[in-house]
Amino acid sequence: MLLTKKFDIEPKRVTTEIFHSGNEYAKRMTLPKGWEVNTHKHNYDHISILASGKVIVECDGEIKGYTGDTCIVIKKDISHKIVAIEDSVWYCIHATTEWNLELIDETLANE
């Protein structure tokens, strides 16, 4: 999953942290204002949690704004991207048995 700087803003670091528990996988992304998670799809429905901040989520062309904290269900095969309107903390939660960090996004992706 690619992260890109979308707007002309003061440089801040995007951080990613991975958590595993049994067959569950969570990725926490700290997204500075103006950054986006590029458009992508997954093979499975999944839950995303906006823990803090404000984002715009585009799902198959439909755009919605969210303010943390909130939970968002993203259906499988739906193209989606996230744009941070302000500094935000975003979690993606997936069911997977894959533990190899280099393969997880590839396993979950549907591109």
N, C-alpha and C. Protein backbone atom coordinates (compact mmCIF):
# COMPACT_ATOMS: atom_id res chain seq x y z
N MET A 1 0.86 -1.16 0.00
CA MET A 1 0.00 0.00 0.00
C MET A 1 0.91 1.23 0.00
N LEU A 2 0.75 2.08 -0.98
CA LEU A 2 1.61 3.24 -1.10
C LEU A 2 1.00 4.44 -0.40
N LEU A 3 1.86 5.20 0.26
CA LEU A 3 1.46 6.44 0.90
C LEU A 3 2.11 7.57 0.13
N THR A 4 1.37 8.61 -0.18
CA THR A 4 1.94 9.71 -0.93
C THR A 4 1.57 11.03 -0.30
N LYS A 5 2.48 11.99 -0.43
CA LYS A 5 2.20 13.35 0.01
C LYS A 5 1.35 13.99 -1.08
N LYS A 6 0.18 14.44 -0.73
CA LYS A 6 -0.76 14.96 -1.72
C LYS A 6 -0.72 16.47 -1.80
N PHE A 7 -0.53 17.16 -0.70
CA PHE A 7 -0.60 18.62 -0.68
C PHE A 7 0.74 19.21 -0.26
N ASP A 8 0.92 20.48 -0.52
CA ASP A 8 2.15 21.17 -0.14
C ASP A 8 2.06 21.56 1.33
N ILE A 9 2.62 20.72 2.20
CA ILE A 9 2.55 20.95 3.64
C ILE A 9 3.93 20.76 4.24
N GLU A 10 4.07 21.17 5.47
CA GLU A 10 5.35 20.96 6.15
C GLU A 10 5.59 19.46 6.28
N PRO A 11 6.81 19.01 6.01
CA PRO A 11 7.08 17.56 6.05
C PRO A 11 6.85 16.97 7.44
N LYS A 12 6.12 15.88 7.48
CA LYS A 12 5.92 15.09 8.70
C LYS A 12 6.08 13.64 8.31
N ARG A 13 6.37 12.81 9.25
CA ARG A 13 6.63 11.41 8.99
C ARG A 13 5.37 10.57 9.11
N VAL A 14 5.16 9.69 8.14
CA VAL A 14 4.11 8.69 8.24
C VAL A 14 4.71 7.51 8.98
N THR A 15 4.02 7.02 10.00
CA THR A 15 4.51 5.84 10.71
C THR A 15 3.50 4.71 10.56
N THR A 16 4.01 3.50 10.49
CA THR A 16 3.18 2.31 10.39
C THR A 16 3.63 1.32 11.44
N GLU A 17 2.66 0.73 12.13
CA GLU A 17 2.95 -0.28 13.15
C GLU A 17 2.02 -1.46 12.90
N ILE A 18 2.54 -2.68 13.04
CA ILE A 18 1.80 -3.90 12.75
C ILE A 18 1.53 -4.65 14.06
N PHE A 19 0.33 -5.22 14.18
CA PHE A 19 -0.07 -6.03 15.33
C PHE A 19 -0.66 -7.34 14.84
N HIS A 20 -0.34 -8.45 15.52
CA HIS A 20 -0.91 -9.77 15.20
C HIS A 20 -1.51 -10.37 16.47
N SER A 21 -2.62 -11.09 16.28
CA SER A 21 -3.20 -11.86 17.37
C SER A 21 -3.97 -13.01 16.73
N GLY A 22 -3.44 -14.20 16.85
CA GLY A 22 -4.09 -15.35 16.22
C GLY A 22 -4.20 -15.15 14.73
N ASN A 23 -5.43 -15.14 14.21
CA ASN A 23 -5.66 -14.94 12.78
C ASN A 23 -6.09 -13.52 12.46
N GLU A 24 -5.75 -12.58 13.32
CA GLU A 24 -6.10 -11.19 13.10
C GLU A 24 -4.83 -10.37 12.90
N TYR A 25 -4.97 -9.40 12.03
CA TYR A 25 -3.85 -8.52 11.68
C TYR A 25 -4.37 -7.08 11.71
N ALA A 26 -3.63 -6.20 12.34
CA ALA A 26 -3.99 -4.79 12.35
C ALA A 26 -2.78 -3.97 11.97
N LYS A 27 -3.03 -2.97 11.16
CA LYS A 27 -1.98 -2.02 10.77
C LYS A 27 -2.41 -0.64 11.24
N ARG A 28 -1.58 -0.02 12.07
CA ARG A 28 -1.85 1.36 12.50
C ARG A 28 -0.99 2.30 11.68
N MET A 29 -1.66 3.26 11.05
CA MET A 29 -0.94 4.26 10.27
C MET A 29 -1.19 5.63 10.88
N THR A 30 -0.12 6.35 11.15
CA THR A 30 -0.22 7.73 11.59
C THR A 30 -0.04 8.58 10.34
N LEU A 31 -1.12 9.21 9.92
CA LEU A 31 -1.14 9.96 8.66
C LEU A 31 -1.13 11.46 8.94
N PRO A 32 -0.06 12.15 8.57
CA PRO A 32 -0.06 13.60 8.72
C PRO A 32 -1.06 14.26 7.77
N LYS A 33 -1.52 15.42 8.13
CA LYS A 33 -2.42 16.20 7.30
C LYS A 33 -1.87 16.27 5.87
N GLY A 34 -2.75 15.98 4.89
CA GLY A 34 -2.37 16.10 3.50
C GLY A 34 -1.83 14.84 2.86
N TRP A 35 -1.65 13.78 3.64
CA TRP A 35 -1.15 12.53 3.07
C TRP A 35 -2.32 11.63 2.69
N GLU A 36 -2.08 10.75 1.74
CA GLU A 36 -3.14 9.83 1.36
C GLU A 36 -2.61 8.41 1.24
N VAL A 37 -3.51 7.46 1.46
CA VAL A 37 -3.25 6.05 1.18
C VAL A 37 -3.84 5.83 -0.21
N ASN A 38 -3.00 5.48 -1.17
CA ASN A 38 -3.43 5.35 -2.56
C ASN A 38 -4.56 4.36 -2.74
N THR A 39 -5.30 4.51 -3.82
CA THR A 39 -6.42 3.64 -4.14
C THR A 39 -5.97 2.19 -4.24
N HIS A 40 -6.74 1.31 -3.57
CA HIS A 40 -6.45 -0.12 -3.56
C HIS A 40 -7.73 -0.88 -3.23
N LYS A 41 -7.69 -2.20 -3.38
CA LYS A 41 -8.81 -3.08 -3.05
C LYS A 41 -8.29 -4.22 -2.18
N HIS A 42 -9.22 -4.91 -1.51
CA HIS A 42 -8.88 -6.10 -0.74
C HIS A 42 -9.77 -7.26 -1.17
N ASN A 43 -9.29 -8.47 -0.91
CA ASN A 43 -10.03 -9.68 -1.25
C ASN A 43 -11.14 -9.98 -0.25
N TYR A 44 -11.17 -9.29 0.88
CA TYR A 44 -12.10 -9.58 1.96
C TYR A 44 -12.69 -8.28 2.50
N ASP A 45 -13.91 -8.35 3.04
CA ASP A 45 -14.44 -7.22 3.81
C ASP A 45 -13.47 -6.99 4.96
N HIS A 46 -13.33 -5.74 5.37
CA HIS A 46 -12.50 -5.48 6.55
C HIS A 46 -13.01 -4.24 7.28
N ILE A 47 -12.57 -4.13 8.51
CA ILE A 47 -12.92 -3.01 9.36
C ILE A 47 -11.74 -2.06 9.42
N SER A 48 -12.04 -0.79 9.30
CA SER A 48 -11.04 0.25 9.54
C SER A 48 -11.53 1.12 10.69
N ILE A 49 -10.60 1.56 11.50
CA ILE A 49 -10.93 2.42 12.63
C ILE A 49 -10.15 3.71 12.50
N LEU A 50 -10.86 4.82 12.47
CA LEU A 50 -10.22 6.13 12.55
C LEU A 50 -10.20 6.48 14.03
N ALA A 51 -9.04 6.32 14.65
CA ALA A 51 -8.92 6.54 16.10
C ALA A 51 -8.95 8.02 16.44
N SER A 52 -8.33 8.84 15.58
CA SER A 52 -8.32 10.28 15.82
C SER A 52 -8.07 10.99 14.50
N GLY A 53 -8.47 12.24 14.46
CA GLY A 53 -8.24 13.05 13.27
C GLY A 53 -9.47 13.15 12.39
N LYS A 54 -9.22 13.58 11.16
CA LYS A 54 -10.29 13.77 10.18
C LYS A 54 -9.76 13.33 8.83
N VAL A 55 -10.55 12.52 8.12
CA VAL A 55 -10.14 11.99 6.82
C VAL A 55 -11.31 12.07 5.84
N ILE A 56 -10.95 11.95 4.57
CA ILE A 56 -11.93 11.71 3.51
C ILE A 56 -11.64 10.32 2.99
N VAL A 57 -12.70 9.51 2.85
CA VAL A 57 -12.56 8.16 2.30
C VAL A 57 -13.36 8.11 1.00
N GLU A 58 -12.70 7.69 -0.06
CA GLU A 58 -13.37 7.53 -1.35
C GLU A 58 -13.49 6.04 -1.63
N CYS A 59 -14.72 5.55 -1.76
CA CYS A 59 -14.99 4.14 -2.06
C CYS A 59 -15.76 4.07 -3.37
N ASP A 60 -15.12 3.52 -4.39
CA ASP A 60 -15.73 3.42 -5.72
C ASP A 60 -16.38 4.73 -6.16
N GLY A 61 -15.67 5.83 -5.95
CA GLY A 61 -16.15 7.13 -6.40
C GLY A 61 -17.04 7.87 -5.42
N GLU A 62 -17.54 7.20 -4.38
CA GLU A 62 -18.36 7.85 -3.36
C GLU A 62 -17.44 8.41 -2.28
N ILE A 63 -17.57 9.69 -1.98
CA ILE A 63 -16.68 10.37 -1.04
C ILE A 63 -17.44 10.69 0.24
N LYS A 64 -16.84 10.29 1.39
CA LYS A 64 -17.42 10.58 2.70
C LYS A 64 -16.33 11.11 3.62
N GLY A 65 -16.70 12.05 4.48
CA GLY A 65 -15.79 12.56 5.49
C GLY A 65 -16.05 11.88 6.82
N TYR A 66 -14.99 11.64 7.56
CA TYR A 66 -15.10 11.01 8.88
C TYR A 66 -14.24 11.76 9.88
N THR A 67 -14.71 11.82 11.11
CA THR A 67 -13.96 12.38 12.22
C THR A 67 -13.81 11.30 13.27
N GLY A 68 -12.57 11.14 13.79
CA GLY A 68 -12.32 10.10 14.77
C GLY A 68 -12.92 10.45 16.12
N ASP A 69 -13.27 9.50 16.88
CA ASP A 69 -13.12 8.08 16.64
C ASP A 69 -14.37 7.50 15.99
N THR A 70 -14.14 6.63 15.02
CA THR A 70 -15.25 5.98 14.34
C THR A 70 -14.76 4.69 13.68
N CYS A 71 -15.71 3.82 13.39
CA CYS A 71 -15.43 2.53 12.77
C CYS A 71 -16.06 2.52 11.39
N ILE A 72 -15.35 2.02 10.39
CA ILE A 72 -15.80 2.02 9.01
C ILE A 72 -15.64 0.61 8.45
N VAL A 73 -16.69 0.07 7.84
CA VAL A 73 -16.61 -1.23 7.18
C VAL A 73 -16.39 -1.00 5.70
N ILE A 74 -15.34 -1.61 5.16
CA ILE A 74 -15.04 -1.51 3.74
C ILE A 74 -15.21 -2.89 3.13
N LYS A 75 -16.11 -2.99 2.18
CA LYS A 75 -16.44 -4.27 1.55
C LYS A 75 -15.34 -4.72 0.59
N LYS A 76 -15.25 -6.03 0.38
CA LYS A 76 -14.25 -6.58 -0.54
C LYS A 76 -14.50 -6.06 -1.96
N ASP A 77 -13.43 -6.02 -2.72
CA ASP A 77 -13.46 -5.62 -4.13
C ASP A 77 -13.88 -4.17 -4.35
N ILE A 78 -13.90 -3.35 -3.31
CA ILE A 78 -14.25 -1.94 -3.44
C ILE A 78 -12.96 -1.12 -3.46
N SER A 79 -12.74 -0.39 -4.55
CA SER A 79 -11.58 0.50 -4.62
C SER A 79 -11.77 1.61 -3.59
N HIS A 80 -10.75 1.83 -2.79
CA HIS A 80 -10.85 2.88 -1.77
C HIS A 80 -9.51 3.55 -1.54
N LYS A 81 -9.58 4.81 -1.13
CA LYS A 81 -8.39 5.55 -0.72
C LYS A 81 -8.76 6.44 0.44
N ILE A 82 -7.75 6.85 1.20
CA ILE A 82 -7.94 7.67 2.39
C ILE A 82 -7.07 8.91 2.25
N VAL A 83 -7.63 10.07 2.52
CA VAL A 83 -6.88 11.32 2.51
C VAL A 83 -7.03 11.96 3.89
N ALA A 84 -5.89 12.26 4.53
CA ALA A 84 -5.91 12.88 5.86
C ALA A 84 -6.15 14.38 5.72
N ILE A 85 -7.27 14.86 6.25
CA ILE A 85 -7.61 16.28 6.26
C ILE A 85 -6.90 16.98 7.41
N GLU A 86 -6.66 16.24 8.48
CA GLU A 86 -5.82 16.71 9.59
C GLU A 86 -5.02 15.50 10.07
N ASP A 87 -4.02 15.72 10.91
CA ASP A 87 -3.24 14.60 11.43
C ASP A 87 -4.19 13.54 11.97
N SER A 88 -3.99 12.28 11.54
CA SER A 88 -4.95 11.22 11.85
C SER A 88 -4.24 9.92 12.20
N VAL A 89 -4.93 9.09 12.98
CA VAL A 89 -4.46 7.74 13.27
C VAL A 89 -5.53 6.78 12.74
N TRP A 90 -5.12 5.88 11.85
CA TRP A 90 -6.02 4.99 11.11
C TRP A 90 -5.56 3.55 11.31
N TYR A 91 -6.49 2.66 11.63
CA TYR A 91 -6.21 1.23 11.75
C TYR A 91 -6.96 0.47 10.66
N CYS A 92 -6.28 -0.46 9.99
CA CYS A 92 -6.91 -1.44 9.11
C CYS A 92 -6.83 -2.78 9.83
N ILE A 93 -7.96 -3.48 9.90
CA ILE A 93 -8.00 -4.75 10.61
C ILE A 93 -8.48 -5.83 9.64
N HIS A 94 -7.70 -6.90 9.55
CA HIS A 94 -8.01 -7.98 8.61
C HIS A 94 -7.88 -9.33 9.30
N ALA A 95 -8.64 -10.30 8.81
CA ALA A 95 -8.47 -11.70 9.22
C ALA A 95 -7.49 -12.32 8.23
N THR A 96 -6.38 -12.84 8.73
CA THR A 96 -5.40 -13.49 7.86
C THR A 96 -4.51 -14.41 8.69
N THR A 97 -4.05 -15.46 8.07
CA THR A 97 -3.09 -16.35 8.72
C THR A 97 -1.67 -16.04 8.27
N GLU A 98 -1.52 -15.07 7.37
CA GLU A 98 -0.19 -14.69 6.87
C GLU A 98 0.53 -13.85 7.92
N TRP A 99 1.73 -14.27 8.28
CA TRP A 99 2.52 -13.54 9.27
C TRP A 99 3.75 -12.89 8.67
N ASN A 100 4.06 -13.18 7.42
CA ASN A 100 5.21 -12.59 6.76
C ASN A 100 4.85 -11.16 6.36
N LEU A 101 5.50 -10.19 7.00
CA LEU A 101 5.15 -8.79 6.77
C LEU A 101 5.35 -8.36 5.33
N GLU A 102 6.27 -8.98 4.62
CA GLU A 102 6.49 -8.64 3.22
C GLU A 102 5.36 -9.15 2.32
N LEU A 103 4.59 -10.13 2.79
CA LEU A 103 3.54 -10.72 1.97
C LEU A 103 2.12 -10.32 2.37
N ILE A 104 1.95 -9.72 3.54
CA ILE A 104 0.61 -9.44 4.04
C ILE A 104 -0.19 -8.56 3.09
N ASP A 105 0.32 -7.38 2.73
CA ASP A 105 -0.43 -6.50 1.85
C ASP A 105 -0.71 -7.16 0.51
N GLU A 106 0.26 -7.93 0.01
CA GLU A 106 0.08 -8.65 -1.26
C GLU A 106 -1.03 -9.69 -1.13
N THR A 107 -1.08 -10.38 0.00
CA THR A 107 -2.09 -11.42 0.24
C THR A 107 -3.48 -10.81 0.33
N LEU A 108 -3.60 -9.63 0.95
CA LEU A 108 -4.89 -8.99 1.16
C LEU A 108 -5.35 -8.16 -0.03
N ALA A 109 -4.41 -7.79 -0.89
CA ALA A 109 -4.73 -6.87 -1.99
C ALA A 109 -5.48 -7.58 -3.11
N ASN A 110 -6.27 -6.81 -3.78
CA ASN A 110 -7.01 -7.29 -4.95
C ASN A 110 -6.85 -6.22 -6.03
N GLU A 111 -5.78 -6.32 -6.79
CA GLU A 111 -5.51 -5.28 -7.79
C GLU A 111 -5.45 -5.85 -9.17
